[in-house]
Amino acid sequence: YGLDTPSPRGWLLPLDEVLQRLILARSGLAQSVAELDASLRPLLSGGCTVPVLLQAAERALGMGAAALATEMAWRAFDFEPESAQARLLLGRAQLELGEDQAARIHLGHALRLAPQGSPVAQHAEEQMQALSSRPTTDR
């Protein structure tokens, strides 16, 4: 693949990745979910790298923007369907949105895809345990 990377995303110009990281860094200044959404939304158009999309999803979850995190994680999943991190973030976002059944599915996939004992696997297991102790509220 391009630029000696294990992904077709390597054909992106390095300048594009610098711009993506700048967008991500500036989103740290957002004071509200609306500002965060406005600052991160440009990453959804075009060919954003998966690591940046995952970081953006993590940031959105941290600010309580689960719907935006879901969009970012789905976009990362579109590029790398075998990404345990994308599945974990989808599960966490769905959990925050109250979509327990969807969260179970994504967290289960994260557990299957992540190497045993990895931080992603451990976090997915913790989320699954927390989910199993919640009363059923599926929509």
C-alpha atoms as a PDB file:
ATOM      1  CA  TYR A   1       0.000   0.000   0.000  1.00  0.00           C
ATOM      2  CA  GLY A   2       0.935   3.649  -0.224  1.00  0.00           C
ATOM      3  CA  LEU A   3       3.570   5.267   1.968  1.00  0.00           C
ATOM      4  CA  ASP A   4       4.651   1.839   3.246  1.00  0.00           C
ATOM      5  CA  THR A   5       1.575   1.377   5.451  1.00  0.00           C
ATOM      6  CA  PRO A   6      -0.466  -1.791   6.012  1.00  0.00           C
ATOM      7  CA  SER A   7      -3.637  -0.029   4.895  1.00  0.00           C
ATOM      8  CA  PRO A   8      -4.955   1.496   1.670  1.00  0.00           C
ATOM      9  CA  ARG A   9      -5.463   4.648   3.763  1.00  0.00           C
ATOM     10  CA  GLY A  10      -1.708   5.205   3.253  1.00  0.00           C
ATOM     11  CA  TRP A  11      -2.424   6.817  -0.102  1.00  0.00           C
ATOM     12  CA  LEU A  12      -3.640   9.909   1.692  1.00  0.00           C
ATOM     13  CA  LEU A  13      -1.251  12.785   1.462  1.00  0.00           C
ATOM     14  CA  PRO A  14       0.619  13.365   4.731  1.00  0.00           C
ATOM     15  CA  LEU A  15      -0.721  16.932   4.645  1.00  0.00           C
ATOM     16  CA  ASP A  16      -4.256  15.528   4.886  1.00  0.00           C
ATOM     17  CA  GLU A  17      -3.342  13.671   8.050  1.00  0.00           C
ATOM     18  CA  VAL A  18      -1.759  16.795   9.530  1.00  0.00           C
ATOM     19  CA  LEU A  19      -5.002  18.678   8.865  1.00  0.00           C
ATOM     20  CA  GLN A  20      -7.045  15.863  10.435  1.00  0.00           C
ATOM     21  CA  ARG A  21      -4.899  15.940  13.552  1.00  0.00           C
ATOM     22  CA  LEU A  22      -5.228  19.726  13.692  1.00  0.00           C
ATOM     23  CA  ILE A  23      -9.031  19.400  13.551  1.00  0.00           C
ATOM     24  CA  LEU A  24      -8.872  16.818  16.332  1.00  0.00           C
ATOM     25  CA  ALA A  25      -6.604  19.017  18.459  1.00  0.00           C
ATOM     26  CA  ARG A  26      -8.808  22.087  17.996  1.00  0.00           C
ATOM     27  CA  SER A  27     -11.865  20.080  18.991  1.00  0.00           C
ATOM     28  CA  GLY A  28     -10.323  19.922  22.468  1.00  0.00           C
ATOM     29  CA  LEU A  29     -11.278  23.601  22.842  1.00  0.00           C
ATOM     30  CA  ALA A  30     -14.989  22.868  22.378  1.00  0.00           C
ATOM     31  CA  GLN A  31     -17.079  24.043  25.313  1.00  0.00           C
ATOM     32  CA  SER A  32     -20.299  22.281  24.344  1.00  0.00           C
ATOM     33  CA  VAL A  33     -21.535  19.254  22.446  1.00  0.00           C
ATOM     34  CA  ALA A  34     -22.692  21.557  19.630  1.00  0.00           C
ATOM     35  CA  GLU A  35     -19.204  23.088  19.319  1.00  0.00           C
ATOM     36  CA  LEU A  36     -17.624  19.627  19.429  1.00  0.00           C
ATOM     37  CA  ASP A  37     -19.974  18.400  16.723  1.00  0.00           C
ATOM     38  CA  ALA A  38     -19.180  21.403  14.517  1.00  0.00           C
ATOM     39  CA  SER A  39     -15.437  20.978  15.000  1.00  0.00           C
ATOM     40  CA  LEU A  40     -15.295  17.207  14.401  1.00  0.00           C
ATOM     41  CA  ARG A  41     -17.897  16.851  11.629  1.00  0.00           C
ATOM     42  CA  PRO A  42     -15.373  17.682   8.832  1.00  0.00           C
ATOM     43  CA  LEU A  43     -13.588  14.421   9.694  1.00  0.00           C
ATOM     44  CA  LEU A  44     -16.626  12.475   8.461  1.00  0.00           C
ATOM     45  CA  SER A  45     -16.275  13.764   4.903  1.00  0.00           C
ATOM     46  CA  GLY A  46     -13.426  12.543   2.809  1.00  0.00           C
ATOM     47  CA  GLY A  47     -10.755  10.048   3.703  1.00  0.00           C
ATOM     48  CA  CYS A  48      -9.998  10.486   7.359  1.00  0.00           C
ATOM     49  CA  THR A  49      -7.621   7.951   8.871  1.00  0.00           C
ATOM     50  CA  VAL A  50      -9.039   5.323  11.206  1.00  0.00           C
ATOM     51  CA  PRO A  51      -6.860   6.271  14.213  1.00  0.00           C
ATOM     52  CA  VAL A  52      -8.074   9.877  14.015  1.00  0.00           C
ATOM     53  CA  LEU A  53     -11.702   8.752  13.692  1.00  0.00           C
ATOM     54  CA  LEU A  54     -11.285   6.538  16.754  1.00  0.00           C
ATOM     55  CA  GLN A  55      -9.728   9.384  18.744  1.00  0.00           C
ATOM     56  CA  ALA A  56     -12.574  11.657  17.669  1.00  0.00           C
ATOM     57  CA  ALA A  57     -15.135   9.055  18.772  1.00  0.00           C
ATOM     58  CA  GLU A  58     -13.369   8.734  22.126  1.00  0.00           C
ATOM     59  CA  ARG A  59     -13.399  12.508  22.576  1.00  0.00           C
ATOM     60  CA  ALA A  60     -17.089  12.689  21.668  1.00  0.00           C
ATOM     61  CA  LEU A  61     -17.919   9.980  24.208  1.00  0.00           C
ATOM     62  CA  GLY A  62     -15.924  11.861  26.821  1.00  0.00           C
ATOM     63  CA  MET A  63     -18.068  14.948  26.287  1.00  0.00           C
ATOM     64  CA  GLY A  64     -21.350  13.061  26.274  1.00  0.00           C
ATOM     65  CA  ALA A  65     -21.901  13.268  22.514  1.00  0.00           C
ATOM     66  CA  ALA A  66     -22.821   9.610  22.017  1.00  0.00           C
ATOM     67  CA  ALA A  67     -24.588  10.186  18.693  1.00  0.00           C
ATOM     68  CA  LEU A  68     -21.497  11.868  17.230  1.00  0.00           C
ATOM     69  CA  ALA A  69     -19.275   9.134  18.685  1.00  0.00           C
ATOM     70  CA  THR A  70     -21.471   6.567  16.971  1.00  0.00           C
ATOM     71  CA  GLU A  71     -21.035   8.294  13.601  1.00  0.00           C
ATOM     72  CA  MET A  72     -17.250   8.475  14.046  1.00  0.00           C
ATOM     73  CA  ALA A  73     -16.982   4.855  15.129  1.00  0.00           C
ATOM     74  CA  TRP A  74     -19.192   3.651  12.255  1.00  0.00           C
ATOM     75  CA  ARG A  75     -16.986   5.518   9.807  1.00  0.00           C
ATOM     76  CA  ALA A  76     -13.892   3.845  11.292  1.00  0.00           C
ATOM     77  CA  PHE A  77     -15.698   0.490  11.128  1.00  0.00           C
ATOM     78  CA  ASP A  78     -16.499   1.116   7.441  1.00  0.00           C
ATOM     79  CA  PHE A  79     -12.772   1.438   6.733  1.00  0.00           C
ATOM     80  CA  GLU A  80     -11.635  -1.375   9.054  1.00  0.00           C
ATOM     81  CA  PRO A  81     -14.445  -3.876   9.759  1.00  0.00           C
ATOM     82  CA  GLU A  82     -12.096  -6.003  11.867  1.00  0.00           C
ATOM     83  CA  SER A  83     -11.285  -3.142  14.248  1.00  0.00           C
ATOM     84  CA  ALA A  84     -11.952  -4.224  17.820  1.00  0.00           C
ATOM     85  CA  GLN A  85     -11.507  -0.618  18.958  1.00  0.00           C
ATOM     86  CA  ALA A  86     -14.225   0.606  16.578  1.00  0.00           C
ATOM     87  CA  ARG A  87     -16.579  -2.106  17.858  1.00  0.00           C
ATOM     88  CA  LEU A  88     -15.778  -1.218  21.465  1.00  0.00           C
ATOM     89  CA  LEU A  89     -16.528   2.458  20.820  1.00  0.00           C
ATOM     90  CA  LEU A  90     -19.754   1.552  19.023  1.00  0.00           C
ATOM     91  CA  GLY A  91     -20.761  -0.558  22.002  1.00  0.00           C
ATOM     92  CA  ARG A  92     -19.960   2.186  24.493  1.00  0.00           C
ATOM     93  CA  ALA A  93     -21.853   4.781  22.436  1.00  0.00           C
ATOM     94  CA  GLN A  94     -24.877   2.511  22.070  1.00  0.00           C
ATOM     95  CA  LEU A  95     -24.787   1.883  25.803  1.00  0.00           C
ATOM     96  CA  GLU A  96     -24.850   5.619  26.438  1.00  0.00           C
ATOM     97  CA  LEU A  97     -27.772   5.998  24.048  1.00  0.00           C
ATOM     98  CA  GLY A  98     -29.708   3.314  25.925  1.00  0.00           C
ATOM     99  CA  GLU A  99     -29.522   0.818  23.075  1.00  0.00           C
ATOM    100  CA  ASP A 100     -28.541  -2.143  25.245  1.00  0.00           C
ATOM    101  CA  GLN A 101     -29.082  -4.863  22.631  1.00  0.00           C
ATOM    102  CA  ALA A 102     -26.943  -3.069  20.034  1.00  0.00           C
ATOM    103  CA  ALA A 103     -24.323  -2.440  22.719  1.00  0.00           C
ATOM    104  CA  ARG A 104     -24.215  -6.179  23.544  1.00  0.00           C
ATOM    105  CA  ILE A 105     -23.688  -7.034  19.890  1.00  0.00           C
ATOM    106  CA  HIS A 106     -20.847  -4.547  19.386  1.00  0.00           C
ATOM    107  CA  LEU A 107     -19.142  -5.370  22.679  1.00  0.00           C
ATOM    108  CA  GLY A 108     -19.370  -9.074  21.838  1.00  0.00           C
ATOM    109  CA  HIS A 109     -17.672  -8.423  18.502  1.00  0.00           C
ATOM    110  CA  ALA A 110     -15.001  -6.347  20.250  1.00  0.00           C
ATOM    111  CA  LEU A 111     -14.316  -9.247  22.607  1.00  0.00           C
ATOM    112  CA  ARG A 112     -13.979 -11.678  19.706  1.00  0.00           C
ATOM    113  CA  LEU A 113     -11.758  -9.385  17.648  1.00  0.00           C
ATOM    114  CA  ALA A 114      -9.426  -8.107  20.373  1.00  0.00           C
ATOM    115  CA  PRO A 115      -6.436 -10.155  21.482  1.00  0.00           C
ATOM    116  CA  GLN A 116      -7.148 -11.873  24.775  1.00  0.00           C
ATOM    117  CA  GLY A 117      -5.951  -9.786  27.721  1.00  0.00           C
ATOM    118  CA  SER A 118      -5.541  -6.618  25.643  1.00  0.00           C
ATOM    119  CA  PRO A 119      -6.834  -3.302  26.989  1.00  0.00           C
ATOM    120  CA  VAL A 120      -9.647  -3.361  24.403  1.00  0.00           C
ATOM    121  CA  ALA A 121     -10.697  -6.866  25.472  1.00  0.00           C
ATOM    122  CA  GLN A 122     -10.548  -5.932  29.148  1.00  0.00           C
ATOM    123  CA  HIS A 123     -12.608  -2.794  28.623  1.00  0.00           C
ATOM    124  CA  ALA A 124     -15.168  -4.668  26.511  1.00  0.00           C
ATOM    125  CA  GLU A 125     -15.451  -7.317  29.224  1.00  0.00           C
ATOM    126  CA  GLU A 126     -15.971  -4.642  31.891  1.00  0.00           C
ATOM    127  CA  GLN A 127     -18.659  -2.980  29.780  1.00  0.00           C
ATOM    128  CA  MET A 128     -20.384  -6.346  29.188  1.00  0.00           C
ATOM    129  CA  GLN A 129     -20.409  -7.047  32.924  1.00  0.00           C
ATOM    130  CA  ALA A 130     -21.842  -3.600  33.663  1.00  0.00           C
ATOM    131  CA  LEU A 131     -24.438  -4.148  30.965  1.00  0.00           C
ATOM    132  CA  SER A 132     -25.497  -7.512  32.352  1.00  0.00           C
ATOM    133  CA  SER A 133     -26.126  -5.974  35.775  1.00  0.00           C
ATOM    134  CA  ARG A 134     -28.454  -3.300  34.328  1.00  0.00           C
ATOM    135  CA  PRO A 135     -32.197  -3.832  34.126  1.00  0.00           C
ATOM    136  CA  THR A 136     -33.327  -4.565  30.584  1.00  0.00           C
ATOM    137  CA  THR A 137     -34.395  -1.329  28.875  1.00  0.00           C
ATOM    138  CA  ASP A 138     -33.975  -2.173  25.190  1.00  0.00           C
ATOM    139  CA  ARG A 139     -35.918  -0.076  22.751  1.00  0.00           C
END
